[in-house]
Structures are given as structure tokens and as C-alpha cells.
Amino acid sequence: MRLHKRSLTLHGHRTSLALEPEFWDALEEIARDRALSLAATIAQIDDNRASDAALASAVRLAVLAHYRGTRH
């Protein structure tokens, strides 16, 4: 599976995130459901991740939790 890299600004800092296309699609759907931008959705995930967790891993787990109907 090929990763797609996107650049975004989180809390005023530029960063990039590489995820599979399916995760980008899921994140966009979650953002629409929450009436937030994609960056704001990812910022929320970033705010709630463990300090030692990679952002990409935290995003994948948040997407999984969303579709399982559990809180992450």
C-alpha cells in the first residue's frame, strides 16, 4: 500500500503526515461530520495523543475508534 503525504499546520507549526489513502478519506469524512477542517480534526487527535505516540499512529487509532463507535 502506498502512503500519501500531506502538509498541514497544527497549532501554528507546519508538519507533514503520511497515511494510506483510505485513512485520508476516513479523516475527511470525520471532519465533515464534525463540521471541522481536516487540520482542526487532526489537531484534536494531536491534542489527545500520548506524548510518545507518533502522530500517524494516533490518527489511525482515532479513525479506528470512530468507526468502531468507541472513544479514543
C-alpha atoms as a PDB file:
ATOM      1  CA  MET A   1       0.000   0.000   0.000  1.00  0.00           C
ATOM      2  CA  ARG A   2       1.293   3.405  -0.860  1.00  0.00           C
ATOM      3  CA  LEU A   3       1.360   6.241   1.641  1.00  0.00           C
ATOM      4  CA  HIS A   4       0.209   9.713   0.674  1.00  0.00           C
ATOM      5  CA  LYS A   5       1.966  12.604   2.362  1.00  0.00           C
ATOM      6  CA  ARG A   6       0.212  15.896   3.077  1.00  0.00           C
ATOM      7  CA  SER A   7       1.491  19.066   4.679  1.00  0.00           C
ATOM      8  CA  LEU A   8      -0.622  20.909   7.216  1.00  0.00           C
ATOM      9  CA  THR A   9      -0.389  23.414  10.026  1.00  0.00           C
ATOM     10  CA  LEU A  10      -1.072  22.245  13.578  1.00  0.00           C
ATOM     11  CA  HIS A  11      -1.099  24.863  16.310  1.00  0.00           C
ATOM     12  CA  GLY A  12       0.830  27.272  14.111  1.00  0.00           C
ATOM     13  CA  HIS A  13       3.550  24.788  13.134  1.00  0.00           C
ATOM     14  CA  ARG A  14       3.956  23.201   9.721  1.00  0.00           C
ATOM     15  CA  THR A  15       4.203  19.427   9.673  1.00  0.00           C
ATOM     16  CA  SER A  16       3.597  16.598   7.276  1.00  0.00           C
ATOM     17  CA  LEU A  17       1.688  13.396   7.728  1.00  0.00           C
ATOM     18  CA  ALA A  18       1.885  10.237   5.627  1.00  0.00           C
ATOM     19  CA  LEU A  19      -1.142   7.933   5.646  1.00  0.00           C
ATOM     20  CA  GLU A  20      -2.795   5.418   3.376  1.00  0.00           C
ATOM     21  CA  PRO A  21      -5.431   6.935   1.043  1.00  0.00           C
ATOM     22  CA  GLU A  22      -8.209   5.147   2.924  1.00  0.00           C
ATOM     23  CA  PHE A  23      -7.241   6.883   6.161  1.00  0.00           C
ATOM     24  CA  TRP A  24      -7.218  10.280   4.432  1.00  0.00           C
ATOM     25  CA  ASP A  25     -10.704   9.534   3.082  1.00  0.00           C
ATOM     26  CA  ALA A  26     -11.914   8.498   6.541  1.00  0.00           C
ATOM     27  CA  LEU A  27     -10.400  11.602   8.150  1.00  0.00           C
ATOM     28  CA  GLU A  28     -12.126  13.859   5.627  1.00  0.00           C
ATOM     29  CA  GLU A  29     -15.430  12.145   6.382  1.00  0.00           C
ATOM     30  CA  ILE A  30     -14.914  12.547  10.123  1.00  0.00           C
ATOM     31  CA  ALA A  31     -14.021  16.221   9.642  1.00  0.00           C
ATOM     32  CA  ARG A  32     -17.210  16.788   7.615  1.00  0.00           C
ATOM     33  CA  ASP A  33     -19.293  15.014  10.284  1.00  0.00           C
ATOM     34  CA  ARG A  34     -17.788  17.291  12.941  1.00  0.00           C
ATOM     35  CA  ALA A  35     -18.063  20.414  10.760  1.00  0.00           C
ATOM     36  CA  LEU A  36     -14.314  20.971  11.162  1.00  0.00           C
ATOM     37  CA  SER A  37     -11.448  21.399   8.773  1.00  0.00           C
ATOM     38  CA  LEU A  38      -9.152  18.464   8.215  1.00  0.00           C
ATOM     39  CA  ALA A  39      -6.357  20.308  10.051  1.00  0.00           C
ATOM     40  CA  ALA A  40      -8.642  21.019  13.035  1.00  0.00           C
ATOM     41  CA  THR A  41      -9.654  17.369  13.194  1.00  0.00           C
ATOM     42  CA  ILE A  42      -6.039  16.241  13.158  1.00  0.00           C
ATOM     43  CA  ALA A  43      -5.173  18.908  15.751  1.00  0.00           C
ATOM     44  CA  GLN A  44      -7.805  17.426  18.087  1.00  0.00           C
ATOM     45  CA  ILE A  45      -6.237  13.991  17.647  1.00  0.00           C
ATOM     46  CA  ASP A  46      -2.790  15.508  18.236  1.00  0.00           C
ATOM     47  CA  ASP A  47      -4.011  17.161  21.453  1.00  0.00           C
ATOM     48  CA  ASN A  48      -5.256  13.817  22.786  1.00  0.00           C
ATOM     49  CA  ARG A  49      -2.386  11.542  21.799  1.00  0.00           C
ATOM     50  CA  ALA A  50       0.119  10.109  24.225  1.00  0.00           C
ATOM     51  CA  SER A  51       3.378  12.038  24.255  1.00  0.00           C
ATOM     52  CA  ASP A  52       5.345   9.030  22.995  1.00  0.00           C
ATOM     53  CA  ALA A  53       2.886   8.120  20.212  1.00  0.00           C
ATOM     54  CA  ALA A  54       3.614   9.008  16.605  1.00  0.00           C
ATOM     55  CA  LEU A  55       1.013  11.298  15.052  1.00  0.00           C
ATOM     56  CA  ALA A  56       0.326   8.898  12.163  1.00  0.00           C
ATOM     57  CA  SER A  57      -0.330   6.058  14.615  1.00  0.00           C
ATOM     58  CA  ALA A  58      -2.570   8.262  16.743  1.00  0.00           C
ATOM     59  CA  VAL A  59      -4.563   9.271  13.660  1.00  0.00           C
ATOM     60  CA  ARG A  60      -5.035   5.661  12.579  1.00  0.00           C
ATOM     61  CA  LEU A  61      -6.209   4.684  16.072  1.00  0.00           C
ATOM     62  CA  ALA A  62      -8.598   7.641  16.219  1.00  0.00           C
ATOM     63  CA  VAL A  63     -10.122   6.684  12.862  1.00  0.00           C
ATOM     64  CA  LEU A  64     -10.495   3.087  14.038  1.00  0.00           C
ATOM     65  CA  ALA A  65     -12.124   4.225  17.278  1.00  0.00           C
ATOM     66  CA  HIS A  66     -14.502   6.497  15.365  1.00  0.00           C
ATOM     67  CA  TYR A  67     -15.748   3.695  13.140  1.00  0.00           C
ATOM     68  CA  ARG A  68     -15.962   1.240  15.994  1.00  0.00           C
ATOM     69  CA  GLY A  69     -18.050   3.754  17.902  1.00  0.00           C
ATOM     70  CA  THR A  70     -15.613   3.902  20.774  1.00  0.00           C
ATOM     71  CA  ARG A  71     -13.916   6.890  22.313  1.00  0.00           C
ATOM     72  CA  HIS A  72     -10.218   7.377  21.631  1.00  0.00           C
END
